Amino acid sequence: MLLEDVSGLEEEGSKIRRWISSLCFWVQTAGRLPAASSAKEVEILQYRRTKGLRRDYKHHKLSDAEFKLLRSIAALDALLQTWDESWISNLAEWVQSHGRLPLSNSTDHIESFQYRRTLTLRKRCKD
């Protein structure tokens, strides 16, 4: 079933932005991620949207509904996993080198950053 109406996924206070639903629909219809080298303007636009998606994903600006929608489409789920793997491996390296989890009240900028990553990881594991 093609994704045409995302209103059923939207919860109160958790909206799906139009450009994200457009990207999801395009990927679902095409069966693949958009390519930067495409000659089609529509595909290039969708490719640029994946860059915006990465920015919003990295800065935790996706709503719960957007996150669920992206995870429900295999190609986009795989893309998100590649983004997860890089920062998760970085966090794992930090924990391994320090022999402990990062502290919430640390004054060290890097440790504080790694602590926020643990919060993100915990939240995603709950979902």
PDB file of N, CA and C in Angstrom:
ATOM      1  N   MET A   1       0.845  -1.190   0.000  1.00  0.00           N
ATOM      2  CA  MET A   1       0.000   0.000   0.000  1.00  0.00           C
ATOM      3  C   MET A   1       0.885   1.245   0.000  1.00  0.00           C
ATOM      4  N   LEU A   2       0.632   2.134  -0.917  1.00  0.00           N
ATOM      5  CA  LEU A   2       1.417   3.357  -0.997  1.00  0.00           C
ATOM      6  C   LEU A   2       0.975   4.359   0.051  1.00  0.00           C
ATOM      7  N   LEU A   3       1.947   5.084   0.543  1.00  0.00           N
ATOM      8  CA  LEU A   3       1.689   6.114   1.522  1.00  0.00           C
ATOM      9  C   LEU A   3       1.173   7.351   0.800  1.00  0.00           C
ATOM     10  N   GLU A   4      -0.095   7.654   0.966  1.00  0.00           N
ATOM     11  CA  GLU A   4      -0.663   8.849   0.345  1.00  0.00           C
ATOM     12  C   GLU A   4      -1.186   9.824   1.386  1.00  0.00           C
ATOM     13  N   ASP A   5      -1.693   9.287   2.491  1.00  0.00           N
ATOM     14  CA  ASP A   5      -2.253  10.126   3.527  1.00  0.00           C
ATOM     15  C   ASP A   5      -1.579   9.787   4.841  1.00  0.00           C
ATOM     16  N   VAL A   6      -0.838  10.728   5.402  1.00  0.00           N
ATOM     17  CA  VAL A   6      -0.103  10.478   6.626  1.00  0.00           C
ATOM     18  C   VAL A   6      -0.850  10.960   7.863  1.00  0.00           C
ATOM     19  N   SER A   7      -2.067  11.444   7.693  1.00  0.00           N
ATOM     20  CA  SER A   7      -2.791  12.004   8.832  1.00  0.00           C
ATOM     21  C   SER A   7      -3.017  10.980   9.932  1.00  0.00           C
ATOM     22  N   GLY A   8      -3.122   9.706   9.585  1.00  0.00           N
ATOM     23  CA  GLY A   8      -3.305   8.670  10.595  1.00  0.00           C
ATOM     24  C   GLY A   8      -2.080   8.476  11.471  1.00  0.00           C
ATOM     25  N   LEU A   9      -0.903   8.870  10.968  1.00  0.00           N
ATOM     26  CA  LEU A   9       0.329   8.742  11.736  1.00  0.00           C
ATOM     27  C   LEU A   9       0.564   9.932  12.659  1.00  0.00           C
ATOM     28  N   GLU A  10      -0.096  11.036  12.361  1.00  0.00           N
ATOM     29  CA  GLU A  10       0.115  12.248  13.149  1.00  0.00           C
ATOM     30  C   GLU A  10      -0.647  12.149  14.465  1.00  0.00           C
ATOM     31  N   GLU A  11       0.084  12.426  15.514  1.00  0.00           N
ATOM     32  CA  GLU A  11      -0.519  12.475  16.836  1.00  0.00           C
ATOM     33  C   GLU A  11      -0.626  13.932  17.228  1.00  0.00           C
ATOM     34  N   GLU A  12      -1.412  14.197  18.241  1.00  0.00           N
ATOM     35  CA  GLU A  12      -1.575  15.586  18.670  1.00  0.00           C
ATOM     36  C   GLU A  12      -0.214  16.154  19.071  1.00  0.00           C
ATOM     37  N   GLY A  13       0.144  17.279  18.515  1.00  0.00           N
ATOM     38  CA  GLY A  13       1.417  17.924  18.814  1.00  0.00           C
ATOM     39  C   GLY A  13       2.602  17.297  18.092  1.00  0.00           C
ATOM     40  N   SER A  14       2.368  16.342  17.245  1.00  0.00           N
ATOM     41  CA  SER A  14       3.437  15.655  16.540  1.00  0.00           C
ATOM     42  C   SER A  14       3.089  15.588  15.057  1.00  0.00           C
ATOM     43  N   LYS A  15       3.330  16.661  14.359  1.00  0.00           N
ATOM     44  CA  LYS A  15       2.953  16.780  12.951  1.00  0.00           C
ATOM     45  C   LYS A  15       4.064  16.290  12.031  1.00  0.00           C
ATOM     46  N   ILE A  16       3.662  15.913  10.834  1.00  0.00           N
ATOM     47  CA  ILE A  16       4.613  15.531   9.798  1.00  0.00           C
ATOM     48  C   ILE A  16       4.677  16.679   8.794  1.00  0.00           C
ATOM     49  N   ARG A  17       5.871  17.224   8.627  1.00  0.00           N
ATOM     50  CA  ARG A  17       6.029  18.329   7.688  1.00  0.00           C
ATOM     51  C   ARG A  17       5.826  17.838   6.257  1.00  0.00           C
ATOM     52  N   ARG A  18       5.292  18.705   5.439  1.00  0.00           N
ATOM     53  CA  ARG A  18       4.933  18.348   4.065  1.00  0.00           C
ATOM     54  C   ARG A  18       6.132  17.854   3.253  1.00  0.00           C
ATOM     55  N   TRP A  19       7.292  18.493   3.403  1.00  0.00           N
ATOM     56  CA  TRP A  19       8.442  18.087   2.611  1.00  0.00           C
ATOM     57  C   TRP A  19       8.911  16.693   2.999  1.00  0.00           C
ATOM     58  N   ILE A  20       8.725  16.305   4.258  1.00  0.00           N
ATOM     59  CA  ILE A  20       9.115  14.957   4.681  1.00  0.00           C
ATOM     60  C   ILE A  20       8.141  13.930   4.123  1.00  0.00           C
ATOM     61  N   SER A  21       6.851  14.235   4.166  1.00  0.00           N
ATOM     62  CA  SER A  21       5.884  13.285   3.597  1.00  0.00           C
ATOM     63  C   SER A  21       6.071  13.172   2.082  1.00  0.00           C
ATOM     64  N   SER A  22       6.448  14.275   1.427  1.00  0.00           N
ATOM     65  CA  SER A  22       6.717  14.238  -0.006  1.00  0.00           C
ATOM     66  C   SER A  22       7.926  13.351  -0.311  1.00  0.00           C
ATOM     67  N   LEU A  23       8.983  13.493   0.466  1.00  0.00           N
ATOM     68  CA  LEU A  23      10.168  12.660   0.296  1.00  0.00           C
ATOM     69  C   LEU A  23       9.818  11.184   0.518  1.00  0.00           C
ATOM     70  N   CYS A  24       9.065  10.900   1.565  1.00  0.00           N
ATOM     71  CA  CYS A  24       8.669   9.517   1.855  1.00  0.00           C
ATOM     72  C   CYS A  24       7.846   8.928   0.715  1.00  0.00           C
ATOM     73  N   PHE A  25       6.911   9.700   0.203  1.00  0.00           N
ATOM     74  CA  PHE A  25       6.085   9.227  -0.896  1.00  0.00           C
ATOM     75  C   PHE A  25       6.940   8.958  -2.129  1.00  0.00           C
ATOM     76  N   TRP A  26       7.887   9.861  -2.430  1.00  0.00           N
ATOM     77  CA  TRP A  26       8.755   9.682  -3.593  1.00  0.00           C
ATOM     78  C   TRP A  26       9.576   8.400  -3.452  1.00  0.00           C
ATOM     79  N   VAL A  27      10.194   8.207  -2.289  1.00  0.00           N
ATOM     80  CA  VAL A  27      11.032   7.022  -2.064  1.00  0.00           C
ATOM     81  C   VAL A  27      10.193   5.754  -2.151  1.00  0.00           C
ATOM     82  N   GLN A  28       9.010   5.798  -1.574  1.00  0.00           N
ATOM     83  CA  GLN A  28       8.149   4.622  -1.614  1.00  0.00           C
ATOM     84  C   GLN A  28       7.713   4.295  -3.043  1.00  0.00           C
ATOM     85  N   THR A  29       7.406   5.312  -3.806  1.00  0.00           N
ATOM     86  CA  THR A  29       6.982   5.122  -5.194  1.00  0.00           C
ATOM     87  C   THR A  29       8.144   4.643  -6.071  1.00  0.00           C
ATOM     88  N   ALA A  30       9.321   5.257  -5.905  1.00  0.00           N
ATOM     89  CA  ALA A  30      10.488   4.916  -6.717  1.00  0.00           C
ATOM     90  C   ALA A  30      11.134   3.604  -6.262  1.00  0.00           C
ATOM     91  N   GLY A  31      10.961   3.270  -5.003  1.00  0.00           N
ATOM     92  CA  GLY A  31      11.572   2.050  -4.483  1.00  0.00           C
ATOM     93  C   GLY A  31      13.056   2.195  -4.195  1.00  0.00           C
ATOM     94  N   ARG A  32      13.523   3.433  -4.125  1.00  0.00           N
ATOM     95  CA  ARG A  32      14.943   3.693  -3.875  1.00  0.00           C
ATOM     96  C   ARG A  32      15.117   5.120  -3.380  1.00  0.00           C
ATOM     97  N   LEU A  33      16.320   5.437  -2.938  1.00  0.00           N
ATOM     98  CA  LEU A  33      16.636   6.798  -2.532  1.00  0.00           C
ATOM     99  C   LEU A  33      16.913   7.648  -3.770  1.00  0.00           C
ATOM    100  N   PRO A  34      16.670   8.945  -3.698  1.00  0.00           N
ATOM    101  CA  PRO A  34      16.967   9.820  -4.836  1.00  0.00           C
ATOM    102  C   PRO A  34      18.470   9.964  -5.038  1.00  0.00           C
ATOM    103  N   ALA A  35      18.867  10.161  -6.290  1.00  0.00           N
ATOM    104  CA  ALA A  35      20.289  10.285  -6.638  1.00  0.00           C
ATOM    105  C   ALA A  35      20.632  11.731  -6.969  1.00  0.00           C
ATOM    106  N   ALA A  36      21.796  12.154  -6.524  1.00  0.00           N
ATOM    107  CA  ALA A  36      22.266  13.513  -6.817  1.00  0.00           C
ATOM    108  C   ALA A  36      22.579  13.678  -8.298  1.00  0.00           C
ATOM    109  N   SER A  37      22.918  12.590  -8.956  1.00  0.00           N
ATOM    110  CA  SER A  37      23.331  12.657 -10.359  1.00  0.00           C
ATOM    111  C   SER A  37      22.162  12.549 -11.342  1.00  0.00           C
ATOM    112  N   SER A  38      20.964  12.553 -10.845  1.00  0.00           N
ATOM    113  CA  SER A  38      19.799  12.418 -11.715  1.00  0.00           C
ATOM    114  C   SER A  38      19.642  13.626 -12.628  1.00  0.00           C
ATOM    115  N   ALA A  39      19.075  13.389 -13.788  1.00  0.00           N
ATOM    116  CA  ALA A  39      18.784  14.481 -14.726  1.00  0.00           C
ATOM    117  C   ALA A  39      17.414  15.088 -14.436  1.00  0.00           C
ATOM    118  N   LYS A  40      16.631  14.435 -13.582  1.00  0.00           N
ATOM    119  CA  LYS A  40      15.280  14.907 -13.288  1.00  0.00           C
ATOM    120  C   LYS A  40      15.300  15.876 -12.112  1.00  0.00           C
ATOM    121  N   GLU A  41      14.712  17.045 -12.325  1.00  0.00           N
ATOM    122  CA  GLU A  41      14.681  18.073 -11.281  1.00  0.00           C
ATOM    123  C   GLU A  41      13.960  17.605 -10.031  1.00  0.00           C
ATOM    124  N   VAL A  42      12.892  16.842 -10.208  1.00  0.00           N
ATOM    125  CA  VAL A  42      12.121  16.355  -9.063  1.00  0.00           C
ATOM    126  C   VAL A  42      12.987  15.458  -8.185  1.00  0.00           C
ATOM    127  N   GLU A  43      13.768  14.617  -8.820  1.00  0.00           N
ATOM    128  CA  GLU A  43      14.631  13.712  -8.053  1.00  0.00           C
ATOM    129  C   GLU A  43      15.741  14.479  -7.344  1.00  0.00           C
ATOM    130  N   ILE A  44      16.284  15.479  -8.001  1.00  0.00           N
ATOM    131  CA  ILE A  44      17.322  16.304  -7.369  1.00  0.00           C
ATOM    132  C   ILE A  44      16.747  17.034  -6.157  1.00  0.00           C
ATOM    133  N   LEU A  45      15.520  17.526  -6.277  1.00  0.00           N
ATOM    134  CA  LEU A  45      14.856  18.166  -5.145  1.00  0.00           C
ATOM    135  C   LEU A  45      14.723  17.176  -3.985  1.00  0.00           C
ATOM    136  N   GLN A  46      14.321  15.954  -4.288  1.00  0.00           N
ATOM    137  CA  GLN A  46      14.172  14.949  -3.234  1.00  0.00           C
ATOM    138  C   GLN A  46      15.532  14.597  -2.624  1.00  0.00           C
ATOM    139  N   TYR A  47      16.569  14.578  -3.449  1.00  0.00           N
ATOM    140  CA  TYR A  47      17.919  14.334  -2.935  1.00  0.00           C
ATOM    141  C   TYR A  47      18.307  15.437  -1.943  1.00  0.00           C
ATOM    142  N   ARG A  48      18.020  16.675  -2.298  1.00  0.00           N
ATOM    143  CA  ARG A  48      18.323  17.800  -1.389  1.00  0.00           C
ATOM    144  C   ARG A  48      17.537  17.665  -0.087  1.00  0.00           C
ATOM    145  N   ARG A  49      16.347  17.131  -0.197  1.00  0.00           N
ATOM    146  CA  ARG A  49      15.541  16.921   1.007  1.00  0.00           C
ATOM    147  C   ARG A  49      16.178  15.879   1.924  1.00  0.00           C
ATOM    148  N   THR A  50      16.878  14.895   1.348  1.00  0.00           N
ATOM    149  CA  THR A  50      17.568  13.934   2.220  1.00  0.00           C
ATOM    150  C   THR A  50      18.678  14.628   3.008  1.00  0.00           C
ATOM    151  N   LYS A  51      19.266  15.655   2.425  1.00  0.00           N
ATOM    152  CA  LYS A  51      20.286  16.427   3.144  1.00  0.00           C
ATOM    153  C   LYS A  51      19.654  17.207   4.301  1.00  0.00           C
ATOM    154  N   GLY A  52      18.483  17.798   4.048  1.00  0.00           N
ATOM    155  CA  GLY A  52      17.755  18.480   5.117  1.00  0.00           C
ATOM    156  C   GLY A  52      17.300  17.506   6.191  1.00  0.00           C
ATOM    157  N   LEU A  53      16.928  16.321   5.749  1.00  0.00           N
ATOM    158  CA  LEU A  53      16.520  15.279   6.691  1.00  0.00           C
ATOM    159  C   LEU A  53      17.677  14.905   7.599  1.00  0.00           C
ATOM    160  N   ARG A  54      18.853  14.767   7.015  1.00  0.00           N
ATOM    161  CA  ARG A  54      20.022  14.424   7.835  1.00  0.00           C
ATOM    162  C   ARG A  54      20.291  15.509   8.873  1.00  0.00           C
ATOM    163  N   ARG A  55      20.192  16.753   8.464  1.00  0.00           N
ATOM    164  CA  ARG A  55      20.401  17.871   9.394  1.00  0.00           C
ATOM    165  C   ARG A  55      19.399  17.802  10.542  1.00  0.00           C
ATOM    166  N   ASP A  56      18.131  17.633  10.202  1.00  0.00           N
ATOM    167  CA  ASP A  56      17.103  17.589  11.244  1.00  0.00           C
ATOM    168  C   ASP A  56      17.251  16.351  12.118  1.00  0.00           C
ATOM    169  N   TYR A  57      17.637  15.237  11.533  1.00  0.00           N
ATOM    170  CA  TYR A  57      17.834  14.004  12.293  1.00  0.00           C
ATOM    171  C   TYR A  57      18.999  14.163  13.256  1.00  0.00           C
ATOM    172  N   LYS A  58      20.075  14.738  12.758  1.00  0.00           N
ATOM    173  CA  LYS A  58      21.278  14.930  13.576  1.00  0.00           C
ATOM    174  C   LYS A  58      21.006  15.857  14.758  1.00  0.00           C
ATOM    175  N   HIS A  59      20.173  16.861  14.547  1.00  0.00           N
ATOM    176  CA  HIS A  59      19.874  17.828  15.603  1.00  0.00           C
ATOM    177  C   HIS A  59      18.590  17.497  16.370  1.00  0.00           C
ATOM    178  N   HIS A  60      18.083  16.279  16.165  1.00  0.00           N
ATOM    179  CA  HIS A  60      16.909  15.780  16.897  1.00  0.00           C
ATOM    180  C   HIS A  60      15.689  16.680  16.733  1.00  0.00           C
ATOM    181  N   LYS A  61      15.438  17.110  15.494  1.00  0.00           N
ATOM    182  CA  LYS A  61      14.315  17.997  15.218  1.00  0.00           C
ATOM    183  C   LYS A  61      13.156  17.290  14.522  1.00  0.00           C
ATOM    184  N   LEU A  62      13.195  15.954  14.480  1.00  0.00           N
ATOM    185  CA  LEU A  62      12.091  15.206  13.884  1.00  0.00           C
ATOM    186  C   LEU A  62      11.037  14.931  14.947  1.00  0.00           C
ATOM    187  N   SER A  63       9.783  15.098  14.575  1.00  0.00           N
ATOM    188  CA  SER A  63       8.713  14.756  15.506  1.00  0.00           C
ATOM    189  C   SER A  63       8.626  13.237  15.615  1.00  0.00           C
ATOM    190  N   ASP A  64       7.942  12.746  16.623  1.00  0.00           N
ATOM    191  CA  ASP A  64       7.764  11.297  16.773  1.00  0.00           C
ATOM    192  C   ASP A  64       7.064  10.706  15.556  1.00  0.00           C
ATOM    193  N   ALA A  65       6.076  11.421  15.033  1.00  0.00           N
ATOM    194  CA  ALA A  65       5.337  10.939  13.859  1.00  0.00           C
ATOM    195  C   ALA A  65       6.249  10.880  12.637  1.00  0.00           C
ATOM    196  N   GLU A  66       7.110  11.888  12.465  1.00  0.00           N
ATOM    197  CA  GLU A  66       8.041  11.882  11.340  1.00  0.00           C
ATOM    198  C   GLU A  66       9.025  10.718  11.471  1.00  0.00           C
ATOM    199  N   PHE A  67       9.517  10.515  12.676  1.00  0.00           N
ATOM    200  CA  PHE A  67      10.469   9.436  12.919  1.00  0.00           C
ATOM    201  C   PHE A  67       9.833   8.073  12.612  1.00  0.00           C
ATOM    202  N   LYS A  68       8.608   7.863  13.058  1.00  0.00           N
ATOM    203  CA  LYS A  68       7.907   6.601  12.790  1.00  0.00           C
ATOM    204  C   LYS A  68       7.667   6.413  11.299  1.00  0.00           C
ATOM    205  N   LEU A  69       7.291   7.487  10.622  1.00  0.00           N
ATOM    206  CA  LEU A  69       7.060   7.412   9.181  1.00  0.00           C
ATOM    207  C   LEU A  69       8.344   7.023   8.446  1.00  0.00           C
ATOM    208  N   LEU A  70       9.447   7.665   8.769  1.00  0.00           N
ATOM    209  CA  LEU A  70      10.719   7.375   8.117  1.00  0.00           C
ATOM    210  C   LEU A  70      11.159   5.932   8.375  1.00  0.00           C
ATOM    211  N   ARG A  71      10.959   5.465   9.597  1.00  0.00           N
ATOM    212  CA  ARG A  71      11.334   4.092   9.948  1.00  0.00           C
ATOM    213  C   ARG A  71      10.443   3.059   9.255  1.00  0.00           C
ATOM    214  N   SER A  72       9.271   3.472   8.801  1.00  0.00           N
ATOM    215  CA  SER A  72       8.346   2.521   8.172  1.00  0.00           C
ATOM    216  C   SER A  72       8.669   2.264   6.700  1.00  0.00           C
ATOM    217  N   ILE A  73       9.589   3.033   6.128  1.00  0.00           N
ATOM    218  CA  ILE A  73       9.956   2.881   4.715  1.00  0.00           C
ATOM    219  C   ILE A  73      11.383   2.325   4.673  1.00  0.00           C
ATOM    220  N   ALA A  74      11.528   1.128   4.119  1.00  0.00           N
ATOM    221  CA  ALA A  74      12.787   0.374   4.197  1.00  0.00           C
ATOM    222  C   ALA A  74      14.015   1.189   3.761  1.00  0.00           C
ATOM    223  N   ALA A  75      13.946   1.857   2.637  1.00  0.00           N
ATOM    224  CA  ALA A  75      15.118   2.595   2.132  1.00  0.00           C
ATOM    225  C   ALA A  75      15.500   3.746   3.064  1.00  0.00           C
ATOM    226  N   LEU A  76      14.505   4.431   3.603  1.00  0.00           N
ATOM    227  CA  LEU A  76      14.793   5.540   4.523  1.00  0.00           C
ATOM    228  C   LEU A  76      15.244   5.018   5.883  1.00  0.00           C
ATOM    229  N   ASP A  77      14.677   3.901   6.316  1.00  0.00           N
ATOM    230  CA  ASP A  77      15.108   3.280   7.565  1.00  0.00           C
ATOM    231  C   ASP A  77      16.580   2.896   7.469  1.00  0.00           C
ATOM    232  N   ALA A  78      16.969   2.304   6.350  1.00  0.00           N
ATOM    233  CA  ALA A  78      18.374   1.926   6.149  1.00  0.00           C
ATOM    234  C   ALA A  78      19.278   3.158   6.155  1.00  0.00           C
ATOM    235  N   LEU A  79      18.811   4.254   5.565  1.00  0.00           N
ATOM    236  CA  LEU A  79      19.581   5.497   5.555  1.00  0.00           C
ATOM    237  C   LEU A  79      19.770   6.023   6.977  1.00  0.00           C
ATOM    238  N   LEU A  80      18.704   6.033   7.761  1.00  0.00           N
ATOM    239  CA  LEU A  80      18.800   6.485   9.152  1.00  0.00           C
ATOM    240  C   LEU A  80      19.766   5.606   9.935  1.00  0.00           C
ATOM    241  N   GLN A  81      19.748   4.316   9.677  1.00  0.00           N
ATOM    242  CA  GLN A  81      20.658   3.412  10.389  1.00  0.00           C
ATOM    243  C   GLN A  81      22.111   3.723  10.083  1.00  0.00           C
ATOM    244  N   THR A  82      22.410   4.109   8.854  1.00  0.00           N
ATOM    245  CA  THR A  82      23.799   4.462   8.536  1.00  0.00           C
ATOM    246  C   THR A  82      24.208   5.714   9.307  1.00  0.00           C
ATOM    247  N   TRP A  83      23.284   6.657   9.471  1.00  0.00           N
ATOM    248  CA  TRP A  83      23.597   7.852  10.255  1.00  0.00           C
ATOM    249  C   TRP A  83      23.752   7.501  11.717  1.00  0.00           C
ATOM    250  N   ASP A  84      22.946   6.579  12.218  1.00  0.00           N
ATOM    251  CA  ASP A  84      23.049   6.136  13.611  1.00  0.00           C
ATOM    252  C   ASP A  84      24.377   5.468  13.880  1.00  0.00           C
ATOM    253  N   GLU A  85      24.813   4.610  12.965  1.00  0.00           N
ATOM    254  CA  GLU A  85      26.011   3.817  13.190  1.00  0.00           C
ATOM    255  C   GLU A  85      27.236   4.683  13.433  1.00  0.00           C
ATOM    256  N   SER A  86      27.346   5.805  12.738  1.00  0.00           N
ATOM    257  CA  SER A  86      28.539   6.635  12.895  1.00  0.00           C
ATOM    258  C   SER A  86      28.611   7.252  14.288  1.00  0.00           C
ATOM    259  N   TRP A  87      27.519   7.817  14.789  1.00  0.00           N
ATOM    260  CA  TRP A  87      27.604   8.436  16.104  1.00  0.00           C
ATOM    261  C   TRP A  87      27.544   7.412  17.221  1.00  0.00           C
ATOM    262  N   ILE A  88      26.890   6.274  16.985  1.00  0.00           N
ATOM    263  CA  ILE A  88      26.862   5.230  18.007  1.00  0.00           C
ATOM    264  C   ILE A  88      28.255   4.631  18.172  1.00  0.00           C
ATOM    265  N   SER A  89      28.957   4.412  17.076  1.00  0.00           N
ATOM    266  CA  SER A  89      30.319   3.869  17.190  1.00  0.00           C
ATOM    267  C   SER A  89      31.231   4.879  17.878  1.00  0.00           C
ATOM    268  N   ASN A  90      31.026   6.161  17.610  1.00  0.00           N
ATOM    269  CA  ASN A  90      31.814   7.201  18.280  1.00  0.00           C
ATOM    270  C   ASN A  90      31.549   7.194  19.782  1.00  0.00           C
ATOM    271  N   LEU A  91      30.278   7.065  20.170  1.00  0.00           N
ATOM    272  CA  LEU A  91      29.921   6.989  21.586  1.00  0.00           C
ATOM    273  C   LEU A  91      30.536   5.741  22.216  1.00  0.00           C
ATOM    274  N   ALA A  92      30.460   4.613  21.525  1.00  0.00           N
ATOM    275  CA  ALA A  92      31.028   3.362  22.047  1.00  0.00           C
ATOM    276  C   ALA A  92      32.537   3.489  22.265  1.00  0.00           C
ATOM    277  N   GLU A  93      33.221   4.138  21.338  1.00  0.00           N
ATOM    278  CA  GLU A  93      34.663   4.355  21.485  1.00  0.00           C
ATOM    279  C   GLU A  93      34.956   5.211  22.709  1.00  0.00           C
ATOM    280  N   TRP A  94      34.138   6.260  22.928  1.00  0.00           N
ATOM    281  CA  TRP A  94      34.332   7.127  24.089  1.00  0.00           C
ATOM    282  C   TRP A  94      34.157   6.320  25.373  1.00  0.00           C
ATOM    283  N   VAL A  95      33.100   5.528  25.457  1.00  0.00           N
ATOM    284  CA  VAL A  95      32.829   4.725  26.654  1.00  0.00           C
ATOM    285  C   VAL A  95      33.963   3.731  26.883  1.00  0.00           C
ATOM    286  N   GLN A  96      34.426   3.100  25.817  1.00  0.00           N
ATOM    287  CA  GLN A  96      35.502   2.120  25.937  1.00  0.00           C
ATOM    288  C   GLN A  96      36.797   2.778  26.423  1.00  0.00           C
ATOM    289  N   SER A  97      37.105   3.935  25.896  1.00  0.00           N
ATOM    290  CA  SER A  97      38.359   4.591  26.285  1.00  0.00           C
ATOM    291  C   SER A  97      38.305   5.157  27.706  1.00  0.00           C
ATOM    292  N   HIS A  98      37.097   5.507  28.185  1.00  0.00           N
ATOM    293  CA  HIS A  98      36.968   6.062  29.537  1.00  0.00           C
ATOM    294  C   HIS A  98      36.544   5.021  30.566  1.00  0.00           C
ATOM    295  N   GLY A  99      36.093   3.878  30.113  1.00  0.00           N
ATOM    296  CA  GLY A  99      35.690   2.806  31.029  1.00  0.00           C
ATOM    297  C   GLY A  99      34.416   3.079  31.794  1.00  0.00           C
ATOM    298  N   ARG A 100      33.596   3.988  31.291  1.00  0.00           N
ATOM    299  CA  ARG A 100      32.328   4.333  31.960  1.00  0.00           C
ATOM    300  C   ARG A 100      31.438   5.102  30.997  1.00  0.00           C
ATOM    301  N   LEU A 101      30.167   5.253  31.393  1.00  0.00           N
ATOM    302  CA  LEU A 101      29.248   6.078  30.622  1.00  0.00           C
ATOM    303  C   LEU A 101      29.520   7.553  30.915  1.00  0.00           C
ATOM    304  N   PRO A 102      29.221   8.428  29.983  1.00  0.00           N
ATOM    305  CA  PRO A 102      29.422   9.864  30.238  1.00  0.00           C
ATOM    306  C   PRO A 102      28.474  10.365  31.329  1.00  0.00           C
ATOM    307  N   LEU A 103      28.941  11.340  32.093  1.00  0.00           N
ATOM    308  CA  LEU A 103      28.166  11.887  33.211  1.00  0.00           C
ATOM    309  C   LEU A 103      27.322  13.079  32.764  1.00  0.00           C
ATOM    310  N   SER A 104      26.160  13.192  33.353  1.00  0.00           N
ATOM    311  CA  SER A 104      25.245  14.284  32.996  1.00  0.00           C
ATOM    312  C   SER A 104      25.743  15.642  33.469  1.00  0.00           C
ATOM    313  N   ASN A 105      26.481  15.663  34.559  1.00  0.00           N
ATOM    314  CA  ASN A 105      26.906  16.939  35.134  1.00  0.00           C
ATOM    315  C   ASN A 105      28.358  17.284  34.818  1.00  0.00           C
ATOM    316  N   SER A 106      28.902  16.678  33.791  1.00  0.00           N
ATOM    317  CA  SER A 106      30.294  16.925  33.431  1.00  0.00           C
ATOM    318  C   SER A 106      30.479  18.350  32.901  1.00  0.00           C
ATOM    319  N   THR A 107      31.625  18.919  33.230  1.00  0.00           N
ATOM    320  CA  THR A 107      31.963  20.245  32.699  1.00  0.00           C
ATOM    321  C   THR A 107      32.734  20.123  31.385  1.00  0.00           C
ATOM    322  N   ASP A 108      33.166  18.903  31.069  1.00  0.00           N
ATOM    323  CA  ASP A 108      33.864  18.650  29.815  1.00  0.00           C
ATOM    324  C   ASP A 108      32.850  18.670  28.670  1.00  0.00           C
ATOM    325  N   HIS A 109      33.107  19.503  27.677  1.00  0.00           N
ATOM    326  CA  HIS A 109      32.181  19.676  26.554  1.00  0.00           C
ATOM    327  C   HIS A 109      31.942  18.361  25.807  1.00  0.00           C
ATOM    328  N   ILE A 110      32.998  17.619  25.550  1.00  0.00           N
ATOM    329  CA  ILE A 110      32.875  16.353  24.808  1.00  0.00           C
ATOM    330  C   ILE A 110      32.069  15.337  25.616  1.00  0.00           C
ATOM    331  N   GLU A 111      32.347  15.216  26.896  1.00  0.00           N
ATOM    332  CA  GLU A 111      31.599  14.267  27.726  1.00  0.00           C
ATOM    333  C   GLU A 111      30.133  14.652  27.819  1.00  0.00           C
ATOM    334  N   SER A 112      29.863  15.926  27.937  1.00  0.00           N
ATOM    335  CA  SER A 112      28.479  16.400  27.964  1.00  0.00           C
ATOM    336  C   SER A 112      27.764  16.060  26.663  1.00  0.00           C
ATOM    337  N   PHE A 113      28.455  16.230  25.551  1.00  0.00           N
ATOM    338  CA  PHE A 113      27.904  15.893  24.248  1.00  0.00           C
ATOM    339  C   PHE A 113      27.615  14.394  24.161  1.00  0.00           C
ATOM    340  N   GLN A 114      28.548  13.584  24.640  1.00  0.00           N
ATOM    341  CA  GLN A 114      28.350  12.137  24.616  1.00  0.00           C
ATOM    342  C   GLN A 114      27.194  11.728  25.532  1.00  0.00           C
ATOM    343  N   TYR A 115      27.025  12.421  26.643  1.00  0.00           N
ATOM    344  CA  TYR A 115      25.889  12.133  27.532  1.00  0.00           C
ATOM    345  C   TYR A 115      24.570  12.371  26.804  1.00  0.00           C
ATOM    346  N   ARG A 116      24.475  13.470  26.062  1.00  0.00           N
ATOM    347  CA  ARG A 116      23.248  13.746  25.299  1.00  0.00           C
ATOM    348  C   ARG A 116      22.990  12.650  24.263  1.00  0.00           C
ATOM    349  N   ARG A 117      24.057  12.103  23.727  1.00  0.00           N
ATOM    350  CA  ARG A 117      23.895  10.984  22.798  1.00  0.00           C
ATOM    351  C   ARG A 117      23.299   9.768  23.504  1.00  0.00           C
ATOM    352  N   THR A 118      23.712   9.508  24.735  1.00  0.00           N
ATOM    353  CA  THR A 118      23.135   8.366  25.472  1.00  0.00           C
ATOM    354  C   THR A 118      21.650   8.586  25.694  1.00  0.00           C
ATOM    355  N   LEU A 119      21.250   9.819  25.938  1.00  0.00           N
ATOM    356  CA  LEU A 119      19.816  10.112  26.113  1.00  0.00           C
ATOM    357  C   LEU A 119      19.048   9.828  24.831  1.00  0.00           C
ATOM    358  N   THR A 120      19.618  10.230  23.710  1.00  0.00           N
ATOM    359  CA  THR A 120      18.989   9.973  22.413  1.00  0.00           C
ATOM    360  C   THR A 120      18.875   8.475  22.160  1.00  0.00           C
ATOM    361  N   LEU A 121      19.937   7.754  22.455  1.00  0.00           N
ATOM    362  CA  LEU A 121      19.940   6.307  22.255  1.00  0.00           C
ATOM    363  C   LEU A 121      18.890   5.638  23.141  1.00  0.00           C
ATOM    364  N   ARG A 122      18.792   6.063  24.379  1.00  0.00           N
ATOM    365  CA  ARG A 122      17.776   5.504  25.294  1.00  0.00           C
ATOM    366  C   ARG A 122      16.366   5.775  24.780  1.00  0.00           C
ATOM    367  N   LYS A 123      16.145   6.987  24.304  1.00  0.00           N
ATOM    368  CA  LYS A 123      14.813   7.336  23.790  1.00  0.00           C
ATOM    369  C   LYS A 123      14.458   6.477  22.577  1.00  0.00           C
ATOM    370  N   ARG A 124      15.410   6.296  21.677  1.00  0.00           N
ATOM    371  CA  ARG A 124      15.143   5.499  20.468  1.00  0.00           C
ATOM    372  C   ARG A 124      14.955   4.024  20.794  1.00  0.00           C
ATOM    373  N   CYS A 125      15.638   3.542  21.813  1.00  0.00           N
ATOM    374  CA  CYS A 125      15.470   2.130  22.192  1.00  0.00           C
ATOM    375  C   CYS A 125      14.108   1.888  22.826  1.00  0.00           C
ATOM    376  N   LYS A 126      13.561   2.894  23.489  1.00  0.00           N
ATOM    377  CA  LYS A 126      12.225   2.763  24.084  1.00  0.00           C
ATOM    378  C   LYS A 126      11.161   2.660  23.016  1.00  0.00           C
ATOM    379  N   ASP A 127      11.330   3.414  21.919  1.00  0.00           N
ATOM    380  CA  ASP A 127      10.347   3.431  20.835  1.00  0.00           C
ATOM    381  C   ASP A 127      10.428   2.159  20.099  1.00  0.00           C
TER     382      ASP A 127
END
